[in-house]
Amino acid sequence: MNTNAVYWLELCDDDLMAAKTLFYSNHFRHMSLFCHMIIEKALKAVIADKMNEIPPKIHHLPKLAAYGGIFEILSDEQLTLLDQLTPLQIESRYPESKKKIENALTAADCEQMLSQTEEFLCWIKKLLEK
């Protein structure tokens, strides 16, 4: 694995600790933003490693997965996670959506989101070890 991929994965590990702290503090909207960042950075690690280039400065998770050449091998659960997180990253920042998103993010849903994010990160790390 090249040094750029390692850089992105180290950021993921830091963000995962922050996401867990936010979850246990009941800051679910912010936790969801960190989950998005973890997945985004994990996908950028794939691009950095597999394509040996600087990842594009985009935040759309399915597009990043496609760019990295792994979209087709993602499970249905992983694709659902990408689809769930992508709009949260944008919409939760704006006042017209913030409250709606805060009300929709239950503790149970966020616990599952955090767990799936951590599983995705582990899967990416194993993929890059090959």
N, C-alpha and C. Protein backbone atom coordinates (compact mmCIF):
# COMPACT_ATOMS: atom_id res chain seq x y z
N MET A 1 0.86 -1.18 0.00
CA MET A 1 0.00 0.00 0.00
C MET A 1 0.90 1.24 0.00
N ASN A 2 0.58 2.20 -0.85
CA ASN A 2 1.43 3.37 -0.95
C ASN A 2 1.17 4.37 0.20
N THR A 3 2.07 5.32 0.34
CA THR A 3 2.00 6.24 1.48
C THR A 3 0.77 7.14 1.44
N ASN A 4 0.29 7.47 0.25
CA ASN A 4 -0.92 8.29 0.17
C ASN A 4 -2.14 7.53 0.68
N ALA A 5 -2.22 6.26 0.38
CA ALA A 5 -3.33 5.43 0.89
C ALA A 5 -3.25 5.32 2.41
N VAL A 6 -2.05 5.13 2.92
CA VAL A 6 -1.85 5.05 4.37
C VAL A 6 -2.31 6.35 5.03
N TYR A 7 -1.98 7.47 4.42
CA TYR A 7 -2.41 8.78 4.93
C TYR A 7 -3.93 8.83 5.08
N TRP A 8 -4.66 8.45 4.02
CA TRP A 8 -6.13 8.50 4.06
C TRP A 8 -6.68 7.57 5.13
N LEU A 9 -6.09 6.38 5.27
CA LEU A 9 -6.59 5.43 6.26
C LEU A 9 -6.31 5.89 7.69
N GLU A 10 -5.19 6.57 7.89
CA GLU A 10 -4.92 7.12 9.23
C GLU A 10 -5.95 8.19 9.59
N LEU A 11 -6.35 8.99 8.61
CA LEU A 11 -7.41 9.97 8.85
C LEU A 11 -8.71 9.26 9.22
N CYS A 12 -8.98 8.15 8.55
CA CYS A 12 -10.19 7.37 8.85
C CYS A 12 -10.20 6.91 10.30
N ASP A 13 -9.06 6.41 10.76
CA ASP A 13 -8.98 5.92 12.13
C ASP A 13 -9.25 7.04 13.13
N ASP A 14 -8.68 8.21 12.88
CA ASP A 14 -8.93 9.36 13.76
C ASP A 14 -10.42 9.75 13.74
N ASP A 15 -10.98 9.78 12.54
CA ASP A 15 -12.40 10.15 12.41
C ASP A 15 -13.32 9.12 13.06
N LEU A 16 -12.93 7.85 13.03
CA LEU A 16 -13.75 6.82 13.67
C LEU A 16 -13.80 7.03 15.18
N MET A 17 -12.68 7.39 15.77
CA MET A 17 -12.68 7.69 17.21
C MET A 17 -13.59 8.87 17.51
N ALA A 18 -13.54 9.88 16.68
CA ALA A 18 -14.41 11.05 16.86
C ALA A 18 -15.87 10.67 16.69
N ALA A 19 -16.18 9.86 15.70
CA ALA A 19 -17.57 9.44 15.47
C ALA A 19 -18.12 8.67 16.67
N LYS A 20 -17.30 7.82 17.24
CA LYS A 20 -17.73 7.06 18.42
C LYS A 20 -17.99 7.99 19.60
N THR A 21 -17.12 8.95 19.79
CA THR A 21 -17.31 9.93 20.87
C THR A 21 -18.61 10.71 20.67
N LEU A 22 -18.85 11.13 19.44
CA LEU A 22 -20.08 11.86 19.13
C LEU A 22 -21.31 10.99 19.35
N PHE A 23 -21.23 9.73 18.97
CA PHE A 23 -22.36 8.82 19.17
C PHE A 23 -22.67 8.69 20.66
N TYR A 24 -21.65 8.42 21.46
CA TYR A 24 -21.88 8.22 22.89
C TYR A 24 -22.27 9.51 23.62
N SER A 25 -22.08 10.65 22.95
CA SER A 25 -22.52 11.94 23.49
C SER A 25 -23.87 12.37 22.92
N ASN A 26 -24.49 11.47 22.15
CA ASN A 26 -25.80 11.73 21.52
C ASN A 26 -25.79 12.89 20.53
N HIS A 27 -24.67 13.09 19.88
CA HIS A 27 -24.57 14.09 18.82
C HIS A 27 -24.65 13.37 17.48
N PHE A 28 -25.86 12.91 17.16
CA PHE A 28 -26.05 12.00 16.04
C PHE A 28 -25.84 12.67 14.68
N ARG A 29 -26.25 13.90 14.53
CA ARG A 29 -26.06 14.57 13.24
C ARG A 29 -24.57 14.72 12.93
N HIS A 30 -23.81 15.13 13.91
CA HIS A 30 -22.38 15.27 13.71
C HIS A 30 -21.72 13.90 13.51
N MET A 31 -22.20 12.90 14.22
CA MET A 31 -21.68 11.55 14.04
C MET A 31 -21.89 11.09 12.61
N SER A 32 -23.06 11.40 12.05
CA SER A 32 -23.35 10.98 10.67
C SER A 32 -22.39 11.67 9.69
N LEU A 33 -22.04 12.92 9.96
CA LEU A 33 -21.07 13.61 9.11
C LEU A 33 -19.70 12.93 9.17
N PHE A 34 -19.32 12.51 10.36
CA PHE A 34 -18.04 11.80 10.49
C PHE A 34 -18.09 10.44 9.81
N CYS A 35 -19.23 9.76 9.88
CA CYS A 35 -19.34 8.48 9.17
C CYS A 35 -19.15 8.70 7.67
N HIS A 36 -19.75 9.76 7.17
CA HIS A 36 -19.56 10.08 5.75
C HIS A 36 -18.09 10.32 5.45
N MET A 37 -17.42 11.11 6.29
CA MET A 37 -16.01 11.42 6.06
C MET A 37 -15.14 10.17 6.11
N ILE A 38 -15.47 9.24 7.00
CA ILE A 38 -14.71 8.00 7.10
C ILE A 38 -14.81 7.21 5.81
N ILE A 39 -16.03 7.05 5.32
CA ILE A 39 -16.23 6.30 4.08
C ILE A 39 -15.57 7.03 2.91
N GLU A 40 -15.73 8.33 2.85
CA GLU A 40 -15.12 9.12 1.77
C GLU A 40 -13.60 8.94 1.76
N LYS A 41 -12.99 9.04 2.92
CA LYS A 41 -11.54 8.92 3.00
C LYS A 41 -11.08 7.49 2.71
N ALA A 42 -11.87 6.51 3.11
CA ALA A 42 -11.53 5.12 2.80
C ALA A 42 -11.56 4.90 1.29
N LEU A 43 -12.56 5.47 0.63
CA LEU A 43 -12.64 5.36 -0.83
C LEU A 43 -11.49 6.12 -1.49
N LYS A 44 -11.10 7.22 -0.92
CA LYS A 44 -9.97 7.97 -1.47
C LYS A 44 -8.66 7.21 -1.25
N ALA A 45 -8.58 6.42 -0.20
CA ALA A 45 -7.42 5.54 0.00
C ALA A 45 -7.34 4.52 -1.13
N VAL A 46 -8.49 3.98 -1.52
CA VAL A 46 -8.53 3.01 -2.63
C VAL A 46 -8.02 3.68 -3.91
N ILE A 47 -8.52 4.87 -4.18
CA ILE A 47 -8.11 5.59 -5.39
C ILE A 47 -6.61 5.88 -5.35
N ALA A 48 -6.13 6.35 -4.19
CA ALA A 48 -4.71 6.68 -4.05
C ALA A 48 -3.85 5.44 -4.27
N ASP A 49 -4.31 4.29 -3.80
CA ASP A 49 -3.52 3.07 -3.89
C ASP A 49 -3.65 2.41 -5.25
N LYS A 50 -4.86 2.18 -5.68
CA LYS A 50 -5.10 1.42 -6.92
C LYS A 50 -4.75 2.23 -8.17
N MET A 51 -5.02 3.53 -8.13
CA MET A 51 -4.83 4.34 -9.33
C MET A 51 -3.55 5.16 -9.24
N ASN A 52 -2.93 5.14 -8.06
CA ASN A 52 -1.69 5.87 -7.82
C ASN A 52 -1.79 7.33 -8.24
N GLU A 53 -2.89 7.95 -7.79
CA GLU A 53 -3.09 9.36 -8.09
C GLU A 53 -3.80 10.04 -6.94
N ILE A 54 -3.79 11.35 -6.95
CA ILE A 54 -4.50 12.11 -5.93
C ILE A 54 -5.99 11.98 -6.20
N PRO A 55 -6.76 11.59 -5.19
CA PRO A 55 -8.20 11.42 -5.40
C PRO A 55 -8.89 12.74 -5.77
N PRO A 56 -9.97 12.64 -6.52
CA PRO A 56 -10.70 13.86 -6.88
C PRO A 56 -11.31 14.50 -5.64
N LYS A 57 -11.47 15.80 -5.69
CA LYS A 57 -12.04 16.54 -4.56
C LYS A 57 -13.56 16.57 -4.69
N ILE A 58 -14.14 15.37 -4.61
CA ILE A 58 -15.59 15.22 -4.62
C ILE A 58 -16.01 14.48 -3.36
N HIS A 59 -17.29 14.53 -3.05
CA HIS A 59 -17.78 13.95 -1.80
C HIS A 59 -18.90 12.96 -2.02
N HIS A 60 -19.26 12.72 -3.26
CA HIS A 60 -20.34 11.80 -3.60
C HIS A 60 -19.80 10.37 -3.52
N LEU A 61 -20.25 9.62 -2.51
CA LEU A 61 -19.64 8.33 -2.22
C LEU A 61 -19.78 7.30 -3.34
N PRO A 62 -20.96 7.12 -3.95
CA PRO A 62 -21.01 6.16 -5.06
C PRO A 62 -20.09 6.53 -6.23
N LYS A 63 -19.95 7.81 -6.51
CA LYS A 63 -19.05 8.24 -7.59
C LYS A 63 -17.59 7.92 -7.23
N LEU A 64 -17.23 8.12 -5.97
CA LEU A 64 -15.87 7.79 -5.54
C LEU A 64 -15.61 6.29 -5.64
N ALA A 65 -16.60 5.49 -5.27
CA ALA A 65 -16.46 4.03 -5.37
C ALA A 65 -16.29 3.61 -6.83
N ALA A 66 -17.05 4.23 -7.71
CA ALA A 66 -16.94 3.93 -9.14
C ALA A 66 -15.56 4.37 -9.66
N TYR A 67 -15.12 5.55 -9.28
CA TYR A 67 -13.83 6.07 -9.72
C TYR A 67 -12.70 5.14 -9.27
N GLY A 68 -12.83 4.59 -8.07
CA GLY A 68 -11.83 3.68 -7.54
C GLY A 68 -11.94 2.26 -8.07
N GLY A 69 -12.96 2.01 -8.88
CA GLY A 69 -13.11 0.69 -9.50
C GLY A 69 -13.66 -0.38 -8.59
N ILE A 70 -14.33 0.01 -7.51
CA ILE A 70 -14.86 -1.02 -6.60
C ILE A 70 -16.39 -1.00 -6.49
N PHE A 71 -17.04 -0.11 -7.21
CA PHE A 71 -18.50 0.00 -7.10
C PHE A 71 -19.17 -1.35 -7.36
N GLU A 72 -18.70 -2.07 -8.36
CA GLU A 72 -19.32 -3.33 -8.75
C GLU A 72 -19.15 -4.45 -7.73
N ILE A 73 -18.18 -4.33 -6.84
CA ILE A 73 -17.98 -5.40 -5.86
C ILE A 73 -18.57 -5.07 -4.49
N LEU A 74 -19.19 -3.92 -4.36
CA LEU A 74 -19.82 -3.56 -3.09
C LEU A 74 -21.07 -4.39 -2.87
N SER A 75 -21.30 -4.78 -1.62
CA SER A 75 -22.51 -5.53 -1.27
C SER A 75 -23.71 -4.58 -1.28
N ASP A 76 -24.89 -5.16 -1.27
CA ASP A 76 -26.10 -4.34 -1.19
C ASP A 76 -26.10 -3.49 0.07
N GLU A 77 -25.64 -4.06 1.18
CA GLU A 77 -25.58 -3.32 2.44
C GLU A 77 -24.62 -2.13 2.33
N GLN A 78 -23.48 -2.34 1.69
CA GLN A 78 -22.52 -1.26 1.52
C GLN A 78 -23.07 -0.17 0.60
N LEU A 79 -23.74 -0.57 -0.47
CA LEU A 79 -24.34 0.42 -1.37
C LEU A 79 -25.42 1.23 -0.67
N THR A 80 -26.20 0.56 0.17
CA THR A 80 -27.24 1.26 0.93
C THR A 80 -26.60 2.28 1.87
N LEU A 81 -25.51 1.89 2.50
CA LEU A 81 -24.80 2.81 3.40
C LEU A 81 -24.31 4.04 2.64
N LEU A 82 -23.72 3.84 1.47
CA LEU A 82 -23.26 4.97 0.66
C LEU A 82 -24.42 5.88 0.29
N ASP A 83 -25.53 5.28 -0.10
CA ASP A 83 -26.71 6.06 -0.47
C ASP A 83 -27.30 6.80 0.72
N GLN A 84 -27.20 6.19 1.90
CA GLN A 84 -27.73 6.81 3.11
C GLN A 84 -26.86 7.99 3.55
N LEU A 85 -25.56 7.84 3.46
CA LEU A 85 -24.64 8.86 3.96
C LEU A 85 -24.45 10.04 3.01
N THR A 86 -24.50 9.80 1.73
CA THR A 86 -24.19 10.86 0.75
C THR A 86 -25.03 12.12 0.96
N PRO A 87 -26.35 12.03 1.05
CA PRO A 87 -27.10 13.28 1.23
C PRO A 87 -26.94 13.91 2.61
N LEU A 88 -26.67 13.10 3.63
CA LEU A 88 -26.52 13.65 4.99
C LEU A 88 -25.38 14.65 5.06
N GLN A 89 -24.34 14.39 4.33
CA GLN A 89 -23.15 15.22 4.35
C GLN A 89 -23.45 16.63 3.86
N ILE A 90 -24.39 16.77 2.97
CA ILE A 90 -24.71 18.09 2.45
C ILE A 90 -25.91 18.68 3.18
N GLU A 91 -26.98 17.92 3.22
CA GLU A 91 -28.24 18.46 3.73
C GLU A 91 -28.19 18.84 5.20
N SER A 92 -27.43 18.10 6.00
CA SER A 92 -27.43 18.39 7.44
C SER A 92 -26.75 19.71 7.78
N ARG A 93 -26.11 20.33 6.82
CA ARG A 93 -25.41 21.59 7.07
C ARG A 93 -26.31 22.81 6.90
N TYR A 94 -27.46 22.62 6.31
CA TYR A 94 -28.31 23.76 5.97
C TYR A 94 -29.54 23.81 6.85
N PRO A 95 -29.95 25.01 7.25
CA PRO A 95 -31.02 25.17 8.23
C PRO A 95 -32.34 24.52 7.84
N GLU A 96 -32.66 24.53 6.56
CA GLU A 96 -33.96 23.98 6.15
C GLU A 96 -34.02 22.45 6.31
N SER A 97 -32.88 21.80 6.39
CA SER A 97 -32.85 20.34 6.52
C SER A 97 -32.34 19.86 7.88
N LYS A 98 -31.61 20.72 8.57
CA LYS A 98 -30.93 20.32 9.80
C LYS A 98 -31.88 19.69 10.81
N LYS A 99 -32.96 20.34 11.13
CA LYS A 99 -33.88 19.84 12.15
C LYS A 99 -34.53 18.54 11.71
N LYS A 100 -34.92 18.48 10.44
CA LYS A 100 -35.54 17.26 9.91
C LYS A 100 -34.59 16.06 10.05
N ILE A 101 -33.34 16.29 9.73
CA ILE A 101 -32.34 15.21 9.82
C ILE A 101 -32.09 14.84 11.27
N GLU A 102 -31.98 15.84 12.14
CA GLU A 102 -31.77 15.55 13.57
C GLU A 102 -32.91 14.70 14.12
N ASN A 103 -34.13 15.00 13.72
CA ASN A 103 -35.29 14.24 14.19
C ASN A 103 -35.33 12.83 13.62
N ALA A 104 -34.76 12.64 12.45
CA ALA A 104 -34.80 11.34 11.79
C ALA A 104 -33.70 10.40 12.27
N LEU A 105 -32.64 10.93 12.84
CA LEU A 105 -31.51 10.10 13.26
C LEU A 105 -31.72 9.58 14.68
N THR A 106 -32.24 8.37 14.77
CA THR A 106 -32.46 7.76 16.07
C THR A 106 -31.17 7.11 16.58
N ALA A 107 -31.14 6.85 17.86
CA ALA A 107 -29.96 6.20 18.45
C ALA A 107 -29.72 4.84 17.81
N ALA A 108 -30.78 4.07 17.59
CA ALA A 108 -30.64 2.74 16.99
C ALA A 108 -30.12 2.83 15.56
N ASP A 109 -30.66 3.77 14.79
CA ASP A 109 -30.21 3.95 13.41
C ASP A 109 -28.74 4.37 13.38
N CYS A 110 -28.37 5.26 14.28
CA CYS A 110 -27.00 5.75 14.30
C CYS A 110 -26.02 4.68 14.78
N GLU A 111 -26.46 3.86 15.70
CA GLU A 111 -25.61 2.76 16.15
C GLU A 111 -25.32 1.81 14.98
N GLN A 112 -26.35 1.53 14.19
CA GLN A 112 -26.18 0.68 13.01
C GLN A 112 -25.27 1.37 11.98
N MET A 113 -25.49 2.66 11.76
CA MET A 113 -24.67 3.43 10.81
C MET A 113 -23.20 3.39 11.21
N LEU A 114 -22.95 3.59 12.49
CA LEU A 114 -21.58 3.59 12.99
C LEU A 114 -20.95 2.20 12.83
N SER A 115 -21.70 1.18 13.15
CA SER A 115 -21.21 -0.19 13.01
C SER A 115 -20.91 -0.53 11.56
N GLN A 116 -21.81 -0.16 10.66
CA GLN A 116 -21.59 -0.43 9.24
C GLN A 116 -20.42 0.38 8.69
N THR A 117 -20.24 1.58 9.18
CA THR A 117 -19.11 2.41 8.76
C THR A 117 -17.80 1.75 9.18
N GLU A 118 -17.75 1.27 10.41
CA GLU A 118 -16.54 0.61 10.89
C GLU A 118 -16.28 -0.67 10.10
N GLU A 119 -17.32 -1.43 9.81
CA GLU A 119 -17.17 -2.64 9.00
C GLU A 119 -16.66 -2.31 7.60
N PHE A 120 -17.20 -1.24 7.01
CA PHE A 120 -16.76 -0.82 5.68
C PHE A 120 -15.28 -0.47 5.70
N LEU A 121 -14.85 0.27 6.71
CA LEU A 121 -13.46 0.65 6.83
C LEU A 121 -12.56 -0.59 6.95
N CYS A 122 -12.97 -1.54 7.76
CA CYS A 122 -12.20 -2.79 7.91
C CYS A 122 -12.11 -3.53 6.57
N TRP A 123 -13.22 -3.54 5.83
CA TRP A 123 -13.26 -4.21 4.53
C TRP A 123 -12.30 -3.54 3.55
N ILE A 124 -12.29 -2.22 3.54
CA ILE A 124 -11.38 -1.47 2.66
C ILE A 124 -9.93 -1.77 3.02
N LYS A 125 -9.63 -1.81 4.31
CA LYS A 125 -8.25 -2.11 4.72
C LYS A 125 -7.82 -3.49 4.25
N LYS A 126 -8.71 -4.47 4.37
CA LYS A 126 -8.39 -5.81 3.89
C LYS A 126 -8.23 -5.83 2.38
N LEU A 127 -9.07 -5.10 1.69
CA LEU A 127 -8.98 -5.01 0.23
C LEU A 127 -7.64 -4.45 -0.20
N LEU A 128 -7.16 -3.46 0.52
CA LEU A 128 -5.90 -2.82 0.15
C LEU A 128 -4.67 -3.62 0.57
N GLU A 129 -4.86 -4.57 1.47
CA GLU A 129 -3.73 -5.43 1.88
C GLU A 129 -3.40 -6.46 0.81
N LYS A 130 -4.34 -6.74 -0.08
CA LYS A 130 -4.14 -7.79 -1.09
C LYS A 130 -3.13 -7.37 -2.12
